[in-house]
Protein backbone atom coordinates (compact mmCIF):
# COMPACT_ATOMS: atom_id res chain seq x y z
CA MET A 1 85.56 128.96 162.07
CA GLU A 2 85.66 125.88 159.72
CA HIS A 3 84.09 125.71 156.44
CA GLN A 4 82.87 122.80 154.55
CA PHE A 5 83.70 121.85 151.06
CA PRO A 6 79.98 121.29 149.74
CA ILE A 7 81.36 119.54 146.36
CA PHE A 8 82.73 116.33 148.14
CA ALA A 9 79.52 116.13 150.23
CA LYS A 10 78.30 113.36 148.06
CA HIS A 11 81.23 110.78 148.69
CA ASN A 12 80.61 111.12 152.69
CA GLY A 13 78.59 107.98 152.87
CA SER A 14 80.96 106.24 150.80
CA ASN A 15 84.57 107.19 151.31
CA PRO A 16 85.46 107.95 155.00
CA ILE A 17 88.87 109.78 153.29
CA LEU A 18 87.10 112.09 151.38
CA ALA A 19 84.76 112.54 154.19
CA ALA A 20 87.43 113.44 156.71
CA LEU A 21 89.42 115.67 154.36
CA SER A 22 86.23 118.04 153.45
CA ARG A 23 86.01 118.93 157.29
CA LEU A 24 89.32 120.65 157.59
CA PRO A 25 90.09 124.50 157.83
CA ILE A 26 89.89 126.81 154.90
CA GLU A 27 93.76 127.64 154.67
CA ARG A 28 94.91 124.22 154.09
CA SER A 29 92.63 123.98 151.34
CA CYS A 30 95.11 124.23 148.36
CA ALA A 31 97.44 121.10 149.51
CA HIS A 32 94.21 118.98 150.39
CA SER A 33 92.47 119.99 147.23
CA ALA A 34 95.50 118.54 145.38
CA ILE A 35 95.49 115.52 147.56
CA LEU A 36 91.57 114.68 146.83
CA TYR A 37 92.31 115.24 142.76
CA VAL A 38 94.71 112.66 143.43
CA LEU A 39 92.46 110.19 144.94
CA LEU A 40 89.90 110.75 142.54
CA LEU A 41 91.85 110.28 139.87
CA PHE A 42 92.81 106.61 141.16
CA GLU A 43 89.26 106.06 142.30
CA SER A 44 88.11 106.43 139.22
CA SER A 45 90.86 104.81 137.21
CA ALA A 46 90.44 101.56 139.92
CA LEU A 47 86.58 101.91 139.04
CA ALA A 48 86.88 101.83 135.23
CA GLN A 49 89.18 98.75 135.39
CA SER A 50 86.97 96.95 137.96
CA ALA A 51 83.86 94.13 137.08
CA PRO A 52 80.62 94.92 136.97
CA VAL A 53 78.91 95.60 140.60
CA SER A 54 76.20 93.18 140.15
CA PRO A 55 74.73 90.50 137.48
CA ASP A 56 71.33 91.98 137.06
CA HIS A 57 72.25 95.52 135.15
CA PRO A 58 74.26 95.98 132.22
CA TRP A 59 77.70 97.47 132.67
CA HIS A 60 78.60 101.09 131.54
CA GLY A 61 81.82 102.70 132.15
CA VAL A 62 84.68 105.20 131.21
CA GLY A 63 86.13 101.98 128.96
CA GLU A 64 83.11 101.62 127.32
CA GLN A 65 82.58 105.24 126.26
CA ARG A 66 86.17 105.35 124.92
CA ILE A 67 85.76 102.03 122.88
CA GLU A 68 82.93 103.45 121.57
CA ALA A 69 84.76 106.43 120.76
CA GLU A 70 87.45 104.42 118.93
CA GLY A 71 84.74 102.09 117.05
CA GLU A 72 83.32 105.45 115.42
CA ASP A 73 86.73 106.45 114.58
CA PHE A 74 87.18 103.02 113.04
CA ARG A 75 84.45 102.78 110.84
CA GLU A 76 85.34 103.22 107.02
CA SER A 77 83.39 105.40 104.93
CA SER A 78 81.49 103.06 102.26
CA PHE A 79 81.79 103.90 98.63
CA SER A 80 79.43 105.19 96.68
CA THR A 81 77.32 103.66 93.53
CA ASP A 82 75.50 105.27 90.68
CA PRO A 83 72.03 105.36 91.18
CA ALA A 84 71.08 106.35 87.32
CA LYS A 85 73.02 102.83 86.45
CA SER A 86 71.92 99.35 85.90
CA TYR A 87 74.95 97.37 86.90
CA SER A 88 75.46 93.73 85.45
CA LEU A 89 76.48 91.03 87.36
CA ALA A 90 80.39 91.18 86.24
CA GLU A 91 80.25 95.00 87.66
CA LEU A 92 79.04 93.87 90.78
CA ILE A 93 81.52 91.12 91.39
CA ASP A 94 84.02 93.85 90.57
CA LEU A 95 83.09 95.70 93.08
CA ALA A 96 82.71 93.64 95.73
CA GLU A 97 86.14 92.18 94.86
CA THR A 98 87.39 95.28 95.48
CA HIS A 99 85.54 96.65 98.63
CA ASN A 100 84.28 93.98 100.89
CA PRO A 101 86.85 93.73 103.45
CA GLU A 102 86.98 89.50 103.10
CA THR A 103 89.36 89.87 100.61
CA HIS A 104 91.54 92.57 101.98
CA PHE A 105 91.60 90.13 105.15
CA ALA A 106 92.86 87.29 103.02
CA TRP A 107 95.02 89.17 101.22
CA GLU A 108 96.92 90.36 104.27
CA ARG A 109 97.02 87.03 105.68
CA ALA A 110 98.69 85.77 102.44
CA ARG A 111 101.24 88.64 102.80
CA ALA A 112 102.47 87.97 106.27
CA GLN A 113 102.61 84.06 105.24
CA ALA A 114 105.07 85.55 102.35
CA ALA A 115 106.81 87.22 105.32
CA ALA A 116 107.20 84.50 107.06
CA LEU A 117 109.00 82.72 104.41
CA GLY A 118 111.52 85.43 104.39
CA VAL A 119 112.26 84.55 107.99
CA ALA A 120 112.62 81.07 107.01
CA ARG A 121 114.78 81.84 104.29
CA SER A 122 117.07 84.21 106.17
CA GLU A 123 118.39 80.96 107.71
CA LEU A 124 120.46 80.02 105.16
CA PHE A 125 122.65 83.43 105.72
CA PRO A 126 124.68 84.72 108.27
CA THR A 127 123.88 86.78 110.84
CA LEU A 128 125.96 89.74 111.48
CA ALA A 129 125.69 92.18 114.60
CA THR A 130 127.95 95.36 115.66
CA THR A 131 128.45 96.49 118.87
CA ALA A 132 130.44 100.04 120.22
CA LEU A 133 130.86 100.37 123.76
CA SER A 134 132.56 103.30 125.58
CA GLN A 135 133.17 103.11 129.14
CA THR A 136 134.94 105.33 132.14
CA SER A 137 135.99 103.95 135.42
CA ARG A 138 137.86 105.47 138.28
CA GLN A 139 139.14 103.76 141.39
CA GLU A 140 142.00 103.94 144.36
CA THR A 141 144.54 101.23 144.07
CA TYR A 142 146.59 100.59 147.50
CA LEU A 143 150.44 100.10 146.73
CA GLY A 144 152.78 100.58 149.27
CA ALA A 145 151.39 102.83 152.19
CA ARG A 146 149.39 104.93 149.88
CA PHE A 147 146.30 104.84 147.85
CA TYR A 148 146.75 105.83 144.00
CA ARG A 149 143.88 107.36 141.72
CA GLN A 150 143.68 105.59 138.71
CA THR A 151 141.36 106.52 135.87
CA PHE A 152 140.57 104.29 132.72
CA GLN A 153 138.88 105.37 129.54
CA ASP A 154 137.95 102.25 127.20
CA PHE A 155 136.46 102.27 123.31
CA GLN A 156 135.58 99.05 122.11
CA ALA A 157 133.88 98.35 118.55
CA ALA A 158 133.17 94.73 117.90
CA LEU A 159 131.48 92.48 115.20
CA ASP A 160 129.45 89.16 115.93
CA LEU A 161 129.39 86.91 113.00
CA ASN A 162 127.18 83.73 113.57
CA TYR A 163 126.41 81.24 110.97
CA THR A 164 125.37 77.38 110.89
CA VAL A 165 127.23 75.37 108.12
CA PHE A 166 125.18 72.30 108.29
CA ASP A 167 122.08 71.08 110.26
CA PHE A 168 120.87 68.04 107.87
CA GLY A 169 117.90 69.70 106.66
CA ALA A 170 116.36 71.55 109.79
CA ARG A 171 116.36 74.73 107.81
CA THR A 172 115.59 73.17 104.50
CA GLY A 173 112.42 71.60 106.57
CA ARG A 174 111.18 74.87 107.88
CA ILE A 175 111.74 76.49 104.29
CA ASP A 176 109.58 73.99 102.66
CA ALA A 177 107.11 74.15 105.19
CA ALA A 178 107.18 78.07 105.09
CA LYS A 179 106.65 77.56 101.08
CA ALA A 180 103.45 75.39 101.73
CA GLU A 181 102.11 77.50 103.77
CA VAL A 182 102.66 80.26 101.66
CA LEU A 183 100.41 78.35 98.56
CA ALA A 184 97.76 77.47 101.18
CA ALA A 185 97.51 80.95 101.96
CA ASN A 186 97.03 81.88 98.25
CA PHE A 187 94.83 79.20 97.94
CA GLU A 188 92.80 80.60 100.90
CA PHE A 189 92.88 83.67 99.07
CA ASN A 190 91.58 82.53 95.91
CA ASP A 191 88.45 80.47 98.01
CA THR A 192 87.41 83.68 99.62
CA HIS A 193 87.24 85.05 96.13
CA ARG A 194 85.31 82.21 95.05
CA ARG A 195 82.94 82.48 98.36
CA LEU A 196 82.43 85.95 97.63
CA ILE A 197 81.39 85.50 93.80
CA TYR A 198 79.20 83.17 94.71
CA GLN A 199 77.73 85.55 97.80
CA VAL A 200 77.39 88.38 94.78
CA GLU A 201 75.60 85.69 92.53
CA GLN A 202 73.34 85.03 95.23
CA ALA A 203 72.39 88.23 96.54
CA TYR A 204 71.91 89.56 92.70
CA TYR A 205 69.81 86.65 91.75
CA GLN A 206 67.80 87.10 94.50
CA LEU A 207 67.09 90.46 93.61
CA LEU A 208 66.16 89.65 90.20
CA ASP A 209 63.67 87.30 91.67
CA ALA A 210 62.08 89.80 94.06
CA SER A 211 62.21 92.43 90.86
CA GLY A 212 60.33 89.76 88.60
CA GLN A 213 57.74 88.98 91.63
CA GLU A 214 57.32 92.47 91.72
CA GLY A 215 56.15 92.69 88.31
CA ALA A 216 54.12 89.59 88.62
CA ALA A 217 52.47 91.00 91.38
CA ARG A 218 51.19 93.82 89.85
CA ALA A 219 50.11 92.18 86.75
CA SER A 220 48.28 90.17 89.13
CA LEU A 221 46.65 93.31 91.02
CA SER A 222 45.73 94.79 87.29
CA ASN A 223 43.77 91.52 86.77
CA ALA A 224 42.14 91.20 90.18
CA GLN A 225 41.02 94.91 89.06
CA SER A 226 39.96 94.17 85.77
CA VAL A 227 37.64 91.17 87.39
CA GLN A 228 36.21 93.88 89.77
CA HIS A 229 35.24 96.41 87.55
CA SER A 230 33.68 93.83 85.12
CA ALA A 231 31.68 92.80 88.36
CA GLU A 232 30.72 96.16 89.41
CA GLU A 233 29.81 96.72 85.81
CA ARG A 234 27.23 93.72 85.39
CA LEU A 235 26.00 94.66 89.30
CA ASN A 236 24.74 97.91 87.63
CA ASN A 237 23.39 96.44 84.77
CA GLY A 238 21.65 93.79 86.90
CA LEU A 239 23.37 91.18 85.79
CA ALA A 240 25.35 90.17 89.12
CA THR A 241 24.97 89.98 92.82
CA LEU A 242 26.62 91.84 95.62
CA PRO A 243 28.28 89.03 96.79
CA ASP A 244 30.10 88.55 93.40
CA VAL A 245 31.30 92.08 93.68
CA LEU A 246 32.68 91.83 97.51
CA GLU A 247 34.58 88.03 96.19
CA ALA A 248 36.07 90.31 93.45
CA ARG A 249 37.08 92.90 96.03
CA SER A 250 38.52 90.56 98.22
CA ALA A 251 40.44 89.12 95.58
CA THR A 252 42.05 92.68 95.09
CA ALA A 253 42.66 93.07 98.42
CA GLN A 254 44.28 89.93 98.50
CA ALA A 255 46.42 90.85 95.37
CA GLU A 256 47.36 94.11 97.24
CA TYR A 257 48.44 92.52 100.39
CA GLU A 258 50.55 89.98 98.24
CA LEU A 259 52.45 93.16 96.36
CA GLN A 260 53.17 94.72 99.12
CA ALA A 261 54.78 91.38 100.61
CA VAL A 262 56.93 91.35 97.42
CA LEU A 263 58.26 95.03 97.74
CA GLY A 264 59.12 94.18 100.82
CA ALA A 265 60.94 90.96 100.32
CA GLU A 266 62.71 93.86 97.35
CA GLU A 267 63.93 96.11 99.88
CA ILE A 268 65.93 93.21 101.91
CA ALA A 269 67.55 91.89 98.60
CA GLN A 270 68.48 95.25 97.86
CA GLY A 271 69.88 95.57 101.17
CA ASN A 272 71.91 92.00 101.35
CA LEU A 273 73.47 93.16 97.58
CA SER A 274 74.53 96.21 99.21
CA THR A 275 76.08 94.63 102.01
CA VAL A 276 78.01 91.95 100.05
CA LEU A 277 79.38 94.53 97.86
CA GLY A 278 80.88 96.14 101.38
CA THR A 279 78.89 99.22 101.49
CA SER A 280 75.88 100.63 103.45
CA PRO A 281 72.45 98.46 103.14
CA THR A 282 70.52 102.00 102.48
CA ALA A 283 72.48 102.45 99.47
CA MET A 284 70.37 102.35 96.12
CA ILE A 285 71.80 99.99 93.48
CA HIS A 286 69.74 99.19 90.17
CA VAL A 287 70.48 96.16 88.53
CA GLU A 288 69.63 94.60 85.08
CA THR A 289 66.09 92.88 84.65
CA LEU A 290 65.12 89.49 84.74
CA LYS A 291 64.28 89.69 80.83
CA ASP A 292 67.28 91.11 79.82
CA LEU A 293 69.37 87.80 80.96
CA LEU A 294 69.81 84.93 78.27
CA THR A 295 68.80 81.88 80.19
CA PRO A 296 70.18 78.75 78.93
CA ASP A 297 68.01 75.36 78.49
CA SER A 298 70.64 72.61 79.28
CA ILE A 299 74.36 72.17 80.52
CA GLY A 300 76.93 70.96 77.82
CA ASP A 301 79.03 68.67 79.84
CA SER A 302 78.91 65.43 82.25
CA VAL A 303 78.74 65.14 85.75
CA ASP A 304 82.05 63.16 85.58
CA LEU A 305 83.67 66.09 83.74
CA ALA A 306 82.38 68.55 86.35
CA ILE A 307 83.58 66.46 89.34
CA ASN A 308 87.28 66.35 87.42
CA ARG A 309 87.00 69.85 87.04
CA ALA A 310 86.25 70.49 90.58
CA PHE A 311 89.16 68.30 91.73
CA ALA A 312 91.68 70.11 89.63
CA GLN A 313 90.35 73.85 90.38
CA ARG A 314 88.75 73.97 94.00
CA PRO A 315 91.07 76.07 96.10
CA ASP A 316 90.20 74.85 99.14
CA LEU A 317 91.42 71.24 97.76
CA MET A 318 94.29 72.63 96.66
CA GLN A 319 94.84 74.10 100.69
CA LEU A 320 94.50 71.20 102.19
CA VAL A 321 97.35 69.26 99.67
CA ALA A 322 99.62 72.10 100.43
CA GLU A 323 98.88 71.43 104.07
CA ILE A 324 99.82 68.10 103.36
CA ARG A 325 103.04 69.15 101.80
CA SER A 326 103.65 71.34 104.90
CA SER A 327 103.44 68.48 107.34
CA ASN A 328 105.64 66.28 105.15
CA ALA A 329 108.03 69.07 105.48
CA ARG A 330 107.66 69.40 109.28
CA VAL A 331 108.55 65.38 109.46
CA LYS A 332 112.00 66.59 107.46
CA GLU A 333 112.46 69.17 110.20
CA ALA A 334 111.49 66.78 113.38
CA ARG A 335 114.15 64.03 111.80
CA ALA A 336 117.28 66.49 111.53
CA ALA A 337 117.02 66.89 115.25
CA TYR A 338 118.71 63.58 115.39
CA TYR A 339 121.67 64.84 113.77
CA PRO A 340 124.59 67.37 114.74
CA SER A 341 124.79 70.93 113.64
CA LEU A 342 127.90 72.97 113.09
CA SER A 343 128.00 76.23 113.52
CA VAL A 344 130.86 79.03 113.12
CA ASN A 345 131.19 81.99 115.48
CA VAL A 346 133.36 85.11 114.38
CA ASN A 347 133.88 87.62 117.21
CA PRO A 348 136.63 90.43 116.08
CA VAL A 349 137.10 93.45 118.45
CA ALA A 350 139.09 97.10 117.86
CA GLN A 351 140.13 97.97 121.29
CA SER A 352 141.43 101.50 122.28
CA VAL A 353 142.05 101.96 126.08
CA TYR A 354 143.53 105.22 128.16
CA GLY A 355 144.85 104.82 131.54
CA LEU A 356 145.53 107.75 133.94
CA GLN A 357 147.23 107.35 136.90
CA GLN A 358 147.79 109.69 139.55
CA THR A 359 151.70 111.29 139.78
CA LEU A 360 151.77 109.96 136.24
CA SER A 361 150.89 110.74 132.47
CA TRP A 362 148.26 109.39 130.40
CA GLY A 363 148.70 106.17 128.63
CA ASN A 364 147.11 104.44 125.45
CA THR A 365 147.31 101.01 124.14
CA ALA A 366 144.85 99.89 120.97
CA ASP A 367 144.54 96.46 119.60
CA LEU A 368 142.30 94.34 117.51
CA THR A 369 141.45 90.91 119.64
CA GLY A 370 138.57 88.66 119.18
CA GLU A 371 137.58 85.26 118.89
CA LEU A 372 136.98 82.34 116.39
CA SER A 373 134.93 79.36 117.13
CA LEU A 374 133.33 76.20 115.84
CA ASN A 375 130.14 74.71 117.62
CA LEU A 376 129.05 71.07 116.97
CA ASN A 377 125.98 70.44 119.02
CA TRP A 378 124.87 67.30 118.83
CA THR A 379 121.90 65.68 121.49
CA VAL A 380 123.09 62.24 122.46
CA PHE A 381 119.91 61.75 124.67
CA ASP A 382 116.72 63.64 125.14
CA GLY A 383 114.01 61.07 127.00
CA GLY A 384 112.55 60.52 123.65
CA ALA A 385 111.62 64.08 122.97
CA ARG A 386 112.63 64.06 119.12
CA LYS A 387 111.12 60.27 118.59
CA SER A 388 107.84 61.89 119.49
CA ASN A 389 108.42 64.95 117.58
CA VAL A 390 108.67 62.70 114.59
CA MET A 391 105.83 60.53 115.04
CA GLN A 392 103.90 63.65 116.07
CA ALA A 393 104.59 65.37 112.69
CA GLU A 394 104.09 61.92 110.96
CA ALA A 395 100.76 61.70 112.11
CA ASN A 396 99.84 65.25 111.28
CA VAL A 397 100.78 64.12 107.66
CA ARG A 398 97.96 61.27 107.81
CA ALA A 399 95.77 63.11 109.30
CA ALA A 400 96.17 66.23 106.70
CA GLU A 401 95.95 62.86 103.96
CA ALA A 402 93.00 62.10 105.84
CA ARG A 403 91.52 65.28 105.75
CA ALA A 404 91.96 66.03 102.41
CA ASN A 405 90.45 62.57 100.85
CA ALA A 406 87.17 63.88 103.05
CA ALA A 407 87.01 66.85 101.14
CA ARG A 408 87.58 65.15 97.67
CA ASP A 409 84.37 62.93 98.77
CA GLU A 410 82.41 66.07 99.94
CA ILE A 411 83.71 67.78 96.85
CA ALA A 412 82.18 65.28 94.55
CA ASN A 413 78.93 65.25 96.57
CA GLN A 414 78.28 68.95 96.18
CA VAL A 415 79.22 68.51 92.31
CA TRP A 416 76.61 65.64 92.02
CA ALA A 417 73.93 67.36 94.00
CA ALA A 418 74.23 70.70 92.09
CA TYR A 419 74.68 68.93 88.66
CA SER A 420 71.15 67.51 89.93
CA ASN A 421 69.48 70.71 90.88
CA LEU A 422 70.69 72.32 87.83
CA ASN A 423 68.77 69.82 85.57
CA THR A 424 65.96 69.88 87.78
CA ALA A 425 66.07 73.52 87.23
CA PHE A 426 66.06 73.07 83.59
CA ARG A 427 62.85 70.94 83.63
CA GLN A 428 61.02 73.21 86.28
CA ARG A 429 61.42 75.71 84.00
CA GLN A 430 60.10 74.42 80.94
CA ALA A 431 57.11 72.73 82.75
CA ALA A 432 56.80 76.45 84.56
CA THR A 433 56.24 77.95 80.85
CA THR A 434 53.69 75.62 79.82
CA LEU A 435 52.12 75.87 83.05
CA LEU A 436 52.16 80.11 82.47
CA GLU A 437 50.72 79.95 79.04
CA ALA A 438 47.97 77.48 80.01
CA ALA A 439 47.05 79.64 83.20
CA SER A 440 46.97 83.21 80.80
CA LYS A 441 44.50 81.24 78.28
CA SER A 442 42.27 80.00 81.03
CA TYR A 443 41.87 83.44 82.72
CA ASP A 444 41.06 84.80 79.38
CA SER A 445 38.84 82.31 78.75
CA ALA A 446 36.98 82.38 82.12
CA LEU A 447 36.68 86.17 82.10
CA GLU A 448 35.21 86.28 78.70
CA SER A 449 32.91 83.72 79.53
CA TYR A 450 32.13 85.56 82.57
CA ASN A 451 31.16 88.89 80.57
CA TYR A 452 29.00 86.61 78.46
CA GLY A 453 27.00 85.06 81.61
CA LEU A 454 28.58 81.90 80.68
CA ARG A 455 30.40 81.37 83.93
CA ASN A 456 29.93 82.73 87.49
CA LEU A 457 32.77 84.87 89.41
CA LEU A 458 34.12 82.26 91.52
CA ASP A 459 35.04 80.62 88.45
CA VAL A 460 37.04 83.80 86.94
CA THR A 461 38.47 84.56 90.62
CA ALA A 462 40.08 81.16 90.66
CA ALA A 463 41.47 81.63 87.49
CA GLN A 464 42.88 84.65 88.32
CA ARG A 465 44.46 83.05 91.29
CA ALA A 466 46.02 80.30 89.28
CA LEU A 467 47.33 83.05 86.44
CA ALA A 468 49.08 84.57 89.69
CA GLN A 469 50.44 81.98 90.61
CA ALA A 470 51.97 80.66 87.61
CA ARG A 471 53.48 84.23 87.12
CA ALA A 472 55.34 84.07 90.13
CA THR A 473 56.62 80.30 89.33
CA ASP A 474 57.76 81.38 86.34
CA VAL A 475 59.65 84.21 87.83
CA HIS A 476 61.24 81.77 90.61
CA ALA A 477 61.88 78.84 88.05
CA ARG A 478 63.95 81.52 85.38
CA THR A 479 65.82 82.83 88.73
CA GLN A 480 66.49 79.15 90.01
CA VAL A 481 67.87 78.29 86.78
CA LEU A 482 70.57 81.02 87.32
CA THR A 483 70.92 80.24 90.71
CA ALA A 484 71.66 76.63 90.00
CA LEU A 485 74.18 77.46 87.34
CA ALA A 486 75.92 79.98 89.55
CA ASN A 487 75.88 77.20 92.14
CA MET A 488 77.62 74.68 89.51
CA ALA A 489 80.25 77.37 88.88
CA PHE A 490 80.95 77.74 92.51
CA ARG A 491 81.18 73.74 93.47
CA THR A 492 83.39 73.14 90.30
CA GLY A 493 85.61 76.22 90.67
CA ASP A 494 84.81 77.79 87.42
CA SER A 495 84.01 80.98 88.82
CA ILE A 496 87.45 82.03 89.54
CA GLN A 497 89.26 80.73 86.49
CA PRO A 498 89.92 83.07 83.58
CA ALA A 499 87.70 83.69 80.79
CA ALA A 500 89.93 81.53 78.11
CA THR A 501 89.62 78.38 80.56
CA ARG A 502 85.79 78.99 81.88
CA PRO A 503 83.81 76.43 80.23
C-alpha cells in the first residue's frame, strides 16, 4: 500500500522531481524528506536571486523583505525638540549642523581623505615585514642497494626590509596631490555647512512668512466679519439691502478660505524646517515671530567689496583652487617616470635545521643567512606612455584652471544678482509700508462712510480686500528683506565666517 504526501501536491504541476518523489512509499519517507528539503532550499534560493518573471507586475521576493528589514534597523531616531521653547535662527542652525546627515557625510569624506594623505606619506619610510616558517619533511633516499629514510625539521625567522632611496619626486608628487585633496575635502566640508545654513535660513524665513500671513489672514477675516455685521445691522434697520448682506457674507467666506490656505502653507513650512534640521517632519518647532526680528533698511558695503569678499571666502571656489594644486602635483609625479628609481632590499634569515637519517643520530645546523640588494629601475622605452601621462596631467591642470575661472565669473554674477535683489527688497519694503498705511486708512474711511450711509457696500468690500492684500504684501516684503540678506551672505560666504570677521 502506498501513501501520498499531501504537502507536496501543489508542486506536481510545476516541479516533476517533487511530483515523482511525492509518490514514494512511506517507509522511505525520512530519507526522501531530507532530499526534498534540500531541493526546496535550493529552489527558494534560486528564485530569490532570479529576475522578475514578467514586466507587467512589481517584483516582490525574499530579498526585498530582507532589505526592508535592514532598512528598518538602519533608521536613526530623530532628536526631540522642546515644544515650549521658541527657537532663534542661531539655535536652529546649531541643531542642523549637529544632526543633519549631510554634515556627517562631508566630515567622513574629509577624514577619509586625511587617511589617504597618511597612506601617501608612508612611502617616505621603509617597509618591514617578518615571517616565521616551520617545515617537516620525510623522504626515502636510495643509496647503494637500499633505501634510507631521512627526516628534516626546518625553522626559519626572516625579515624583509624595502626602502626607496630616491625616485626623482614621484613620491613627493603623490604626497603634494594628497595634501591638496585634503584641502579640497575640507573646503567641501565648509561648503556643506554654507549650503546647510542657507537651507535653514530659507526654511526659517518661509515659516516666518507663513506665520505672518496667518496673522494677516486672521485680521482680514476679522475685518470681513465686521463688515458683515454692519451690513446685517443696517438690513435689520432697513438701511441696507439683502444683496449687500450677501456680498458681505461672500467676502467673509473668501477671507476664511484664504485663512485655511495660509494655515496649510504654514504646516508645510513647519515640515520643511524640521526636515532640514534632521528630525521628523511631524516635529513641532516654535520660532520667533516676525515682529521680534530687526529688519535693516540698507546694506553698508558696495557690490565690488562683496564680490572681492566672495572670491576670498567662497569654499567652493577654494576647493577648485585646491584641485588645481592637486593637478600640478600629478604633473610632477608623471614627469618623475622619465627618471630612474633606486631601492634597497635587506632580507636577513635566521635558520635552524635538524636532520635524521635512518641508523644515524639527529644532526643540527643553525646560521644567519640572507641577502642585500640594490635595485635600479629605469624605463628606457614604453611606447610613449610616459609622454601621454604627462600630457594628460597637464591637460587636467588647464581644465582645472578653466573651471576655476568659470566659477569666478559665476560667483561674481551671483553676488551681483543677490546685491540687486537685496536693494530691490529694501525698496519694496518701503513701498509695502506706505501701501499698508494707505490701505488701512482707506478701509477705515470706507467703513465709517458706509455706516453713515455715504458709501455703498461694494466700496467697503473693495477696501477690505485691498487692505488684506496690503497686509500680505507687507509681511512678504519684510521676510523678503531677510531672505535677500541670507542669500547675500550665502553668495559671499559670510555665513560660515567667524562673528569677528563677518561684515
